[in-house]
Amino acid sequence: MDTPLLTQIAAGRPGAVEDFLRGYGNAVWGLARRFCRSAEDAEDATQEILVEIWRNAARYDQNAGSELTFVMTIARRRLIDRARRLGRRPQIELLQEASELPGEPAKFDAAEFDDEVRRAQAAMLQLRPEQRQVLELALNEGRTHHEISVAIGIPLGTVKSHARRGLIRLRNLLGVAQPEQEGDLE
């Protein structure tokens, strides 16, 4: 097809997301692996990046550059932002052996993914408005606690409390096990 995959995703073509993941998933993972300290961290970063690209597929303009350039530019920027949030500079690691490369990526199940997105959105709606606002700024826009504090005009400690309590509440609503029970902080 001559139509870019991101344009197809934005138009809602069935199968476009799977085609996109097959075409670009390994490239994004490879870049993430060079920025991240572990394969697990790289997998998390890759998932976050691919979801963001999927959500913003309509922003792609094929006249501005290739689809690969668009994808890799977003991936690189998000990896740099992630490294800054984690308080460290990107550490580029060269893979020593081909055995460290991941095997065939797991098949993407769009229906399962859509169901998980709906569950997460429904859980977000059950949060207190201030918790939801802080988490949306942090998760959707990648803002730091300090940036959120300045943007909405509340103390930094309050932002951190809203974020922590909101995440704990989300874990409870989604049935995710917590490292240690902290009681109901709603």
N, C-alpha and C. Protein backbone atom coordinates (compact mmCIF):
# COMPACT_ATOMS: atom_id res chain seq x y z
N MET A 1 0.83 -1.19 0.00
CA MET A 1 0.00 0.00 0.00
C MET A 1 0.87 1.24 0.00
N ASP A 2 0.42 2.25 -0.71
CA ASP A 2 1.16 3.50 -0.76
C ASP A 2 0.83 4.42 0.40
N THR A 3 -0.32 4.21 1.03
CA THR A 3 -0.72 5.04 2.15
C THR A 3 0.11 4.67 3.37
N PRO A 4 0.76 5.65 4.02
CA PRO A 4 1.56 5.34 5.21
C PRO A 4 0.73 4.66 6.30
N LEU A 5 1.36 3.80 7.06
CA LEU A 5 0.67 3.06 8.11
C LEU A 5 0.07 3.99 9.16
N LEU A 6 0.78 5.08 9.49
CA LEU A 6 0.24 6.00 10.50
C LEU A 6 -1.04 6.66 10.00
N THR A 7 -1.11 6.96 8.73
CA THR A 7 -2.33 7.52 8.15
C THR A 7 -3.44 6.49 8.20
N GLN A 8 -3.10 5.23 7.95
CA GLN A 8 -4.08 4.15 8.02
C GLN A 8 -4.57 3.95 9.46
N ILE A 9 -3.67 4.05 10.42
CA ILE A 9 -4.05 3.93 11.83
C ILE A 9 -5.00 5.05 12.21
N ALA A 10 -4.66 6.28 11.81
CA ALA A 10 -5.50 7.43 12.12
C ALA A 10 -6.89 7.28 11.50
N ALA A 11 -6.97 6.63 10.33
CA ALA A 11 -8.25 6.42 9.66
C ALA A 11 -9.01 5.22 10.23
N GLY A 12 -8.36 4.45 11.10
CA GLY A 12 -9.03 3.32 11.75
C GLY A 12 -9.07 2.05 10.91
N ARG A 13 -8.14 1.89 9.98
CA ARG A 13 -8.12 0.68 9.15
C ARG A 13 -7.80 -0.54 10.01
N PRO A 14 -8.65 -1.56 9.94
CA PRO A 14 -8.37 -2.79 10.69
C PRO A 14 -7.02 -3.38 10.23
N GLY A 15 -6.24 -3.80 11.19
CA GLY A 15 -4.96 -4.42 10.88
C GLY A 15 -3.80 -3.44 10.75
N ALA A 16 -4.08 -2.15 10.70
CA ALA A 16 -3.00 -1.17 10.52
C ALA A 16 -2.06 -1.15 11.71
N VAL A 17 -2.61 -1.27 12.92
CA VAL A 17 -1.76 -1.24 14.12
C VAL A 17 -0.82 -2.45 14.11
N GLU A 18 -1.35 -3.63 13.78
CA GLU A 18 -0.51 -4.82 13.74
C GLU A 18 0.60 -4.67 12.69
N ASP A 19 0.23 -4.15 11.52
CA ASP A 19 1.23 -3.93 10.46
C ASP A 19 2.30 -2.94 10.93
N PHE A 20 1.86 -1.90 11.62
CA PHE A 20 2.78 -0.90 12.14
C PHE A 20 3.75 -1.53 13.15
N LEU A 21 3.22 -2.33 14.07
CA LEU A 21 4.07 -2.97 15.08
C LEU A 21 5.08 -3.91 14.44
N ARG A 22 4.64 -4.67 13.44
CA ARG A 22 5.57 -5.56 12.73
C ARG A 22 6.64 -4.76 12.01
N GLY A 23 6.27 -3.62 11.45
CA GLY A 23 7.21 -2.83 10.67
C GLY A 23 8.18 -2.00 11.48
N TYR A 24 7.74 -1.50 12.65
CA TYR A 24 8.57 -0.55 13.40
C TYR A 24 8.90 -0.98 14.82
N GLY A 25 8.24 -2.00 15.34
CA GLY A 25 8.45 -2.42 16.73
C GLY A 25 9.89 -2.74 17.06
N ASN A 26 10.55 -3.51 16.20
CA ASN A 26 11.94 -3.89 16.48
C ASN A 26 12.89 -2.70 16.39
N ALA A 27 12.64 -1.77 15.49
CA ALA A 27 13.50 -0.59 15.37
C ALA A 27 13.41 0.26 16.63
N VAL A 28 12.19 0.44 17.14
CA VAL A 28 12.01 1.23 18.37
C VAL A 28 12.64 0.49 19.55
N TRP A 29 12.44 -0.84 19.61
CA TRP A 29 13.04 -1.61 20.71
C TRP A 29 14.56 -1.52 20.67
N GLY A 30 15.14 -1.60 19.48
CA GLY A 30 16.60 -1.52 19.35
C GLY A 30 17.14 -0.18 19.86
N LEU A 31 16.44 0.90 19.53
CA LEU A 31 16.85 2.21 20.02
C LEU A 31 16.67 2.29 21.54
N ALA A 32 15.56 1.77 22.02
CA ALA A 32 15.30 1.79 23.47
C ALA A 32 16.36 0.98 24.22
N ARG A 33 16.78 -0.12 23.64
CA ARG A 33 17.77 -0.97 24.29
C ARG A 33 19.10 -0.24 24.47
N ARG A 34 19.42 0.65 23.52
CA ARG A 34 20.67 1.41 23.65
C ARG A 34 20.58 2.49 24.71
N PHE A 35 19.38 2.99 24.99
CA PHE A 35 19.20 4.04 25.98
C PHE A 35 18.97 3.51 27.39
N CYS A 36 18.43 2.32 27.49
CA CYS A 36 18.00 1.78 28.79
C CYS A 36 19.03 0.82 29.36
N ARG A 37 19.04 0.71 30.67
CA ARG A 37 20.01 -0.13 31.36
C ARG A 37 19.68 -1.61 31.32
N SER A 38 18.42 -1.94 31.11
CA SER A 38 18.04 -3.35 31.10
C SER A 38 17.05 -3.61 29.98
N ALA A 39 16.93 -4.86 29.62
CA ALA A 39 15.98 -5.25 28.58
C ALA A 39 14.55 -4.98 29.05
N GLU A 40 14.29 -5.18 30.33
CA GLU A 40 12.95 -4.94 30.87
C GLU A 40 12.59 -3.46 30.76
N ASP A 41 13.52 -2.59 31.10
CA ASP A 41 13.30 -1.15 30.99
C ASP A 41 13.08 -0.76 29.53
N ALA A 42 13.83 -1.37 28.64
CA ALA A 42 13.69 -1.09 27.21
C ALA A 42 12.32 -1.54 26.71
N GLU A 43 11.84 -2.68 27.19
CA GLU A 43 10.52 -3.15 26.79
C GLU A 43 9.43 -2.19 27.27
N ASP A 44 9.55 -1.73 28.52
CA ASP A 44 8.58 -0.76 29.04
C ASP A 44 8.60 0.52 28.21
N ALA A 45 9.79 1.01 27.94
CA ALA A 45 9.92 2.25 27.16
C ALA A 45 9.35 2.06 25.76
N THR A 46 9.62 0.92 25.15
CA THR A 46 9.12 0.64 23.80
C THR A 46 7.60 0.65 23.79
N GLN A 47 7.00 0.02 24.77
CA GLN A 47 5.54 -0.02 24.83
C GLN A 47 4.97 1.39 24.97
N GLU A 48 5.54 2.19 25.87
CA GLU A 48 5.07 3.56 26.05
C GLU A 48 5.19 4.37 24.76
N ILE A 49 6.31 4.22 24.08
CA ILE A 49 6.55 4.96 22.84
C ILE A 49 5.55 4.55 21.76
N LEU A 50 5.37 3.24 21.59
CA LEU A 50 4.46 2.77 20.54
C LEU A 50 3.02 3.19 20.82
N VAL A 51 2.61 3.18 22.07
CA VAL A 51 1.26 3.63 22.41
C VAL A 51 1.12 5.13 22.10
N GLU A 52 2.14 5.90 22.45
CA GLU A 52 2.08 7.33 22.16
C GLU A 52 2.00 7.60 20.66
N ILE A 53 2.80 6.89 19.89
CA ILE A 53 2.77 7.06 18.43
C ILE A 53 1.40 6.67 17.89
N TRP A 54 0.86 5.57 18.38
CA TRP A 54 -0.47 5.12 17.95
C TRP A 54 -1.52 6.18 18.26
N ARG A 55 -1.48 6.75 19.46
CA ARG A 55 -2.46 7.76 19.86
C ARG A 55 -2.33 9.05 19.06
N ASN A 56 -1.13 9.33 18.57
CA ASN A 56 -0.88 10.56 17.83
C ASN A 56 -0.64 10.32 16.34
N ALA A 57 -1.13 9.22 15.83
CA ALA A 57 -0.89 8.85 14.42
C ALA A 57 -1.38 9.94 13.46
N ALA A 58 -2.45 10.62 13.82
CA ALA A 58 -3.02 11.65 12.93
C ALA A 58 -2.09 12.85 12.75
N ARG A 59 -1.11 13.01 13.60
CA ARG A 59 -0.17 14.13 13.49
C ARG A 59 0.88 13.93 12.41
N TYR A 60 1.02 12.70 11.92
CA TYR A 60 2.03 12.42 10.92
C TYR A 60 1.68 13.09 9.59
N ASP A 61 2.66 13.79 9.02
CA ASP A 61 2.51 14.45 7.72
C ASP A 61 3.57 13.87 6.80
N GLN A 62 3.16 13.09 5.83
CA GLN A 62 4.12 12.43 4.95
C GLN A 62 4.91 13.42 4.11
N ASN A 63 4.44 14.65 3.96
CA ASN A 63 5.19 15.67 3.22
C ASN A 63 6.36 16.22 4.03
N ALA A 64 6.31 16.04 5.35
CA ALA A 64 7.37 16.57 6.21
C ALA A 64 8.54 15.60 6.35
N GLY A 65 8.34 14.34 6.03
CA GLY A 65 9.43 13.37 6.15
C GLY A 65 8.89 11.96 6.12
N SER A 66 9.81 11.01 6.14
CA SER A 66 9.40 9.61 6.08
C SER A 66 8.76 9.17 7.38
N GLU A 67 7.99 8.11 7.29
CA GLU A 67 7.34 7.55 8.46
C GLU A 67 8.38 7.05 9.47
N LEU A 68 9.44 6.41 8.98
CA LEU A 68 10.50 5.92 9.85
C LEU A 68 11.16 7.08 10.60
N THR A 69 11.42 8.18 9.92
CA THR A 69 12.02 9.34 10.57
C THR A 69 11.10 9.88 11.66
N PHE A 70 9.81 9.96 11.37
CA PHE A 70 8.82 10.42 12.34
C PHE A 70 8.83 9.52 13.58
N VAL A 71 8.78 8.22 13.35
CA VAL A 71 8.73 7.25 14.45
C VAL A 71 10.00 7.33 15.30
N MET A 72 11.15 7.31 14.65
CA MET A 72 12.41 7.28 15.38
C MET A 72 12.69 8.62 16.09
N THR A 73 12.22 9.72 15.53
CA THR A 73 12.38 11.02 16.19
C THR A 73 11.57 11.05 17.48
N ILE A 74 10.33 10.60 17.40
CA ILE A 74 9.50 10.54 18.61
C ILE A 74 10.12 9.59 19.63
N ALA A 75 10.56 8.44 19.17
CA ALA A 75 11.16 7.45 20.07
C ALA A 75 12.38 8.03 20.78
N ARG A 76 13.26 8.66 20.02
CA ARG A 76 14.47 9.24 20.61
C ARG A 76 14.13 10.31 21.64
N ARG A 77 13.19 11.19 21.29
CA ARG A 77 12.80 12.25 22.23
C ARG A 77 12.22 11.68 23.50
N ARG A 78 11.36 10.68 23.38
CA ARG A 78 10.74 10.08 24.56
C ARG A 78 11.77 9.35 25.41
N LEU A 79 12.74 8.72 24.78
CA LEU A 79 13.78 8.03 25.54
C LEU A 79 14.65 9.02 26.30
N ILE A 80 14.96 10.15 25.69
CA ILE A 80 15.72 11.20 26.37
C ILE A 80 14.90 11.74 27.54
N ASP A 81 13.61 12.02 27.31
CA ASP A 81 12.73 12.49 28.39
C ASP A 81 12.66 11.48 29.52
N ARG A 82 12.55 10.22 29.16
CA ARG A 82 12.48 9.15 30.17
C ARG A 82 13.76 9.09 31.00
N ALA A 83 14.89 9.20 30.33
CA ALA A 83 16.17 9.17 31.04
C ALA A 83 16.28 10.37 31.99
N ARG A 84 15.82 11.51 31.56
CA ARG A 84 15.85 12.70 32.43
C ARG A 84 14.94 12.51 33.63
N ARG A 85 13.75 11.94 33.38
CA ARG A 85 12.83 11.70 34.50
C ARG A 85 13.43 10.74 35.50
N LEU A 86 14.19 9.78 35.01
CA LEU A 86 14.81 8.80 35.91
C LEU A 86 16.08 9.35 36.56
N GLY A 87 16.44 10.57 36.20
CA GLY A 87 17.57 11.24 36.85
C GLY A 87 18.92 10.75 36.40
N ARG A 88 19.01 10.26 35.19
CA ARG A 88 20.30 9.80 34.70
C ARG A 88 20.42 10.12 33.22
N ARG A 89 21.62 10.18 32.78
CA ARG A 89 21.87 10.39 31.37
C ARG A 89 21.70 9.08 30.63
N PRO A 90 21.31 9.15 29.36
CA PRO A 90 21.20 7.90 28.61
C PRO A 90 22.54 7.17 28.58
N GLN A 91 22.48 5.90 28.85
CA GLN A 91 23.69 5.09 28.82
C GLN A 91 23.58 4.16 27.63
N ILE A 92 24.44 4.38 26.67
CA ILE A 92 24.41 3.57 25.47
C ILE A 92 25.21 2.31 25.73
N GLU A 93 24.56 1.18 25.54
CA GLU A 93 25.20 -0.11 25.74
C GLU A 93 25.19 -0.86 24.41
N LEU A 94 26.30 -1.40 24.07
CA LEU A 94 26.36 -2.22 22.87
C LEU A 94 26.02 -3.65 23.25
N LEU A 95 25.23 -4.28 22.44
CA LEU A 95 24.90 -5.67 22.70
C LEU A 95 26.11 -6.53 22.39
N GLN A 96 26.46 -7.41 23.29
CA GLN A 96 27.64 -8.24 23.13
C GLN A 96 27.40 -9.40 22.18
N GLU A 97 26.22 -9.99 22.27
CA GLU A 97 25.94 -11.16 21.46
C GLU A 97 24.54 -11.07 20.88
N ALA A 98 24.36 -11.71 19.77
CA ALA A 98 23.05 -11.73 19.15
C ALA A 98 22.03 -12.43 20.04
N SER A 99 22.50 -13.27 20.96
CA SER A 99 21.57 -13.97 21.84
C SER A 99 20.83 -13.02 22.77
N GLU A 100 21.34 -11.79 22.92
CA GLU A 100 20.67 -10.83 23.77
C GLU A 100 19.50 -10.16 23.07
N LEU A 101 19.41 -10.31 21.75
CA LEU A 101 18.30 -9.72 21.02
C LEU A 101 17.03 -10.48 21.34
N PRO A 102 15.90 -9.76 21.38
CA PRO A 102 14.66 -10.46 21.69
C PRO A 102 14.27 -11.38 20.54
N GLY A 103 13.52 -12.41 20.88
CA GLY A 103 13.01 -13.31 19.86
C GLY A 103 11.89 -12.62 19.10
N GLU A 104 11.14 -13.40 18.42
CA GLU A 104 10.00 -12.87 17.67
C GLU A 104 9.07 -12.17 18.67
N PRO A 105 8.69 -10.91 18.40
CA PRO A 105 7.80 -10.21 19.34
C PRO A 105 6.46 -10.93 19.44
N ALA A 106 5.87 -10.84 20.61
CA ALA A 106 4.57 -11.46 20.83
C ALA A 106 3.56 -10.84 19.88
N LYS A 107 2.61 -11.65 19.42
CA LYS A 107 1.60 -11.15 18.50
C LYS A 107 0.73 -10.14 19.23
N PHE A 108 0.50 -9.03 18.59
CA PHE A 108 -0.30 -7.95 19.17
C PHE A 108 -1.77 -8.29 19.04
N ASP A 109 -2.49 -8.24 20.13
CA ASP A 109 -3.92 -8.51 20.13
C ASP A 109 -4.65 -7.18 20.31
N ALA A 110 -5.14 -6.63 19.20
CA ALA A 110 -5.78 -5.31 19.23
C ALA A 110 -7.01 -5.31 20.12
N ALA A 111 -7.80 -6.37 20.10
CA ALA A 111 -9.02 -6.41 20.91
C ALA A 111 -8.67 -6.38 22.39
N GLU A 112 -7.65 -7.15 22.77
CA GLU A 112 -7.23 -7.17 24.17
C GLU A 112 -6.68 -5.80 24.57
N PHE A 113 -5.90 -5.20 23.68
CA PHE A 113 -5.34 -3.88 23.95
C PHE A 113 -6.45 -2.85 24.12
N ASP A 114 -7.43 -2.86 23.22
CA ASP A 114 -8.55 -1.92 23.32
C ASP A 114 -9.30 -2.10 24.63
N ASP A 115 -9.47 -3.36 25.05
CA ASP A 115 -10.16 -3.64 26.30
C ASP A 115 -9.37 -3.08 27.49
N GLU A 116 -8.05 -3.25 27.46
CA GLU A 116 -7.22 -2.72 28.54
C GLU A 116 -7.26 -1.19 28.57
N VAL A 117 -7.26 -0.57 27.42
CA VAL A 117 -7.34 0.89 27.35
C VAL A 117 -8.66 1.37 27.95
N ARG A 118 -9.77 0.71 27.58
CA ARG A 118 -11.08 1.09 28.13
C ARG A 118 -11.12 0.91 29.64
N ARG A 119 -10.55 -0.18 30.14
CA ARG A 119 -10.52 -0.40 31.60
C ARG A 119 -9.73 0.70 32.30
N ALA A 120 -8.58 1.05 31.72
CA ALA A 120 -7.74 2.10 32.32
C ALA A 120 -8.46 3.45 32.29
N GLN A 121 -9.13 3.76 31.18
CA GLN A 121 -9.85 5.03 31.09
C GLN A 121 -10.99 5.08 32.10
N ALA A 122 -11.71 3.97 32.25
CA ALA A 122 -12.81 3.91 33.22
C ALA A 122 -12.27 4.08 34.64
N ALA A 123 -11.14 3.47 34.92
CA ALA A 123 -10.54 3.60 36.25
C ALA A 123 -10.11 5.04 36.50
N MET A 124 -9.54 5.69 35.49
CA MET A 124 -9.12 7.10 35.64
C MET A 124 -10.32 7.98 36.00
N LEU A 125 -11.48 7.69 35.41
CA LEU A 125 -12.68 8.49 35.68
C LEU A 125 -13.18 8.33 37.12
N GLN A 126 -12.74 7.27 37.80
CA GLN A 126 -13.16 7.03 39.17
C GLN A 126 -12.26 7.74 40.19
N LEU A 127 -11.18 8.33 39.73
CA LEU A 127 -10.27 9.04 40.63
C LEU A 127 -10.87 10.39 41.01
N ARG A 128 -10.35 10.93 42.09
CA ARG A 128 -10.71 12.30 42.45
C ARG A 128 -10.21 13.22 41.34
N PRO A 129 -10.93 14.32 41.07
CA PRO A 129 -10.54 15.20 39.96
C PRO A 129 -9.10 15.69 40.05
N GLU A 130 -8.63 16.02 41.24
CA GLU A 130 -7.27 16.53 41.38
C GLU A 130 -6.23 15.44 41.11
N GLN A 131 -6.55 14.20 41.52
CA GLN A 131 -5.65 13.08 41.23
C GLN A 131 -5.61 12.81 39.72
N ARG A 132 -6.77 12.81 39.09
CA ARG A 132 -6.86 12.56 37.66
C ARG A 132 -6.10 13.64 36.88
N GLN A 133 -6.26 14.90 37.28
CA GLN A 133 -5.58 16.00 36.58
C GLN A 133 -4.06 15.83 36.66
N VAL A 134 -3.54 15.54 37.83
CA VAL A 134 -2.09 15.36 38.01
C VAL A 134 -1.59 14.17 37.19
N LEU A 135 -2.30 13.05 37.26
CA LEU A 135 -1.86 11.87 36.52
C LEU A 135 -1.97 12.06 35.01
N GLU A 136 -2.99 12.74 34.54
CA GLU A 136 -3.10 12.99 33.10
C GLU A 136 -1.95 13.87 32.61
N LEU A 137 -1.59 14.89 33.39
CA LEU A 137 -0.45 15.73 32.98
C LEU A 137 0.85 14.94 32.99
N ALA A 138 1.00 14.07 33.98
CA ALA A 138 2.23 13.29 34.07
C ALA A 138 2.29 12.20 33.00
N LEU A 139 1.20 11.45 32.85
CA LEU A 139 1.22 10.30 31.94
C LEU A 139 1.00 10.68 30.48
N ASN A 140 0.09 11.60 30.23
CA ASN A 140 -0.22 11.95 28.84
C ASN A 140 0.76 12.96 28.25
N GLU A 141 1.24 13.87 29.08
CA GLU A 141 2.11 14.92 28.57
C GLU A 141 3.56 14.77 29.02
N GLY A 142 3.82 13.80 29.90
CA GLY A 142 5.18 13.56 30.35
C GLY A 142 5.76 14.66 31.22
N ARG A 143 4.89 15.41 31.89
CA ARG A 143 5.38 16.50 32.73
C ARG A 143 5.92 15.98 34.06
N THR A 144 6.91 16.69 34.58
CA THR A 144 7.47 16.35 35.88
C THR A 144 6.56 16.89 36.98
N HIS A 145 6.79 16.43 38.20
CA HIS A 145 6.01 16.95 39.32
C HIS A 145 6.16 18.46 39.43
N HIS A 146 7.37 18.95 39.26
CA HIS A 146 7.59 20.40 39.35
C HIS A 146 6.81 21.14 38.26
N GLU A 147 6.85 20.64 37.04
CA GLU A 147 6.12 21.28 35.94
C GLU A 147 4.62 21.29 36.20
N ILE A 148 4.11 20.21 36.77
CA ILE A 148 2.68 20.15 37.09
C ILE A 148 2.35 21.16 38.17
N SER A 149 3.21 21.25 39.18
CA SER A 149 3.01 22.20 40.26
C SER A 149 2.88 23.63 39.72
N VAL A 150 3.78 23.99 38.82
CA VAL A 150 3.76 25.33 38.24
C VAL A 150 2.52 25.52 37.35
N ALA A 151 2.20 24.49 36.56
CA ALA A 151 1.10 24.59 35.59
C ALA A 151 -0.27 24.77 36.27
N ILE A 152 -0.49 24.05 37.38
CA ILE A 152 -1.82 24.13 37.99
C ILE A 152 -1.82 24.93 39.30
N GLY A 153 -0.66 25.43 39.68
CA GLY A 153 -0.59 26.36 40.80
C GLY A 153 -0.83 25.74 42.17
N ILE A 154 -0.32 24.53 42.39
CA ILE A 154 -0.42 23.93 43.72
C ILE A 154 0.98 23.53 44.17
N PRO A 155 1.19 23.41 45.49
CA PRO A 155 2.53 23.06 45.99
C PRO A 155 3.02 21.72 45.46
N LEU A 156 4.34 21.62 45.31
CA LEU A 156 4.97 20.42 44.80
C LEU A 156 4.61 19.19 45.64
N GLY A 157 4.61 19.31 46.93
CA GLY A 157 4.26 18.19 47.81
C GLY A 157 2.84 17.70 47.57
N THR A 158 1.94 18.63 47.30
CA THR A 158 0.55 18.26 47.01
C THR A 158 0.46 17.50 45.70
N VAL A 159 1.23 17.94 44.70
CA VAL A 159 1.26 17.23 43.42
C VAL A 159 1.73 15.80 43.64
N LYS A 160 2.81 15.64 44.41
CA LYS A 160 3.35 14.30 44.67
C LYS A 160 2.33 13.44 45.41
N SER A 161 1.62 14.02 46.36
CA SER A 161 0.60 13.27 47.10
C SER A 161 -0.54 12.83 46.18
N HIS A 162 -1.01 13.75 45.34
CA HIS A 162 -2.09 13.42 44.40
C HIS A 162 -1.65 12.30 43.46
N ALA A 163 -0.42 12.39 42.96
CA ALA A 163 0.09 11.38 42.03
C ALA A 163 0.18 10.02 42.73
N ARG A 164 0.75 10.00 43.92
CA ARG A 164 0.92 8.74 44.65
C ARG A 164 -0.42 8.12 44.99
N ARG A 165 -1.31 8.91 45.55
CA ARG A 165 -2.62 8.38 45.94
C ARG A 165 -3.43 7.96 44.71
N GLY A 166 -3.32 8.72 43.64
CA GLY A 166 -4.02 8.36 42.40
C GLY A 166 -3.52 7.05 41.83
N LEU A 167 -2.20 6.84 41.84
CA LEU A 167 -1.64 5.59 41.33
C LEU A 167 -2.04 4.40 42.19
N ILE A 168 -2.03 4.59 43.49
CA ILE A 168 -2.45 3.52 44.40
C ILE A 168 -3.91 3.17 44.14
N ARG A 169 -4.73 4.19 43.97
CA ARG A 169 -6.16 3.97 43.70
C ARG A 169 -6.34 3.25 42.36
N LEU A 170 -5.59 3.66 41.33
CA LEU A 170 -5.66 2.99 40.02
C LEU A 170 -5.28 1.53 40.14
N ARG A 171 -4.21 1.25 40.88
CA ARG A 171 -3.80 -0.15 41.06
C ARG A 171 -4.93 -0.97 41.69
N ASN A 172 -5.57 -0.38 42.70
CA ASN A 172 -6.67 -1.08 43.36
C ASN A 172 -7.84 -1.29 42.39
N LEU A 173 -8.19 -0.27 41.65
CA LEU A 173 -9.31 -0.36 40.71
C LEU A 173 -9.05 -1.38 39.60
N LEU A 174 -7.79 -1.46 39.18
CA LEU A 174 -7.43 -2.37 38.08
C LEU A 174 -7.02 -3.76 38.57
N GLY A 175 -6.98 -3.93 39.89
CA GLY A 175 -6.64 -5.24 40.45
C GLY A 175 -5.17 -5.60 40.32
N VAL A 176 -4.31 -4.58 40.33
CA VAL A 176 -2.87 -4.81 40.22
C VAL A 176 -2.31 -4.95 41.63
N ALA A 177 -1.55 -6.01 41.85
CA ALA A 177 -0.96 -6.23 43.17
C ALA A 177 0.03 -5.13 43.49
N GLN A 178 0.02 -4.72 44.74
CA GLN A 178 0.93 -3.67 45.18
C GLN A 178 2.10 -4.31 45.91
N PRO A 179 3.27 -3.66 45.85
CA PRO A 179 4.45 -4.21 46.52
C PRO A 179 4.22 -4.43 48.01
N GLU A 180 3.49 -3.52 48.64
CA GLU A 180 3.15 -3.64 50.04
C GLU A 180 1.82 -2.94 50.25
N GLN A 181 0.97 -3.48 51.10
CA GLN A 181 -0.31 -2.84 51.34
C GLN A 181 -0.08 -1.56 52.10
N GLU A 182 -0.65 -0.49 51.57
CA GLU A 182 -0.44 0.82 52.19
C GLU A 182 -1.75 1.37 52.74
N GLY A 183 -2.78 0.56 52.73
CA GLY A 183 -4.06 1.04 53.22
C GLY A 183 -4.75 1.87 52.17
N ASP A 184 -5.96 2.30 52.46
CA ASP A 184 -6.73 3.08 51.51
C ASP A 184 -6.37 4.55 51.63
N LEU A 185 -5.70 5.06 50.63
CA LEU A 185 -5.25 6.46 50.65
C LEU A 185 -6.12 7.33 49.78
N GLU A 186 -7.26 6.85 49.40
CA GLU A 186 -8.17 7.59 48.53
C GLU A 186 -8.48 8.87 49.18
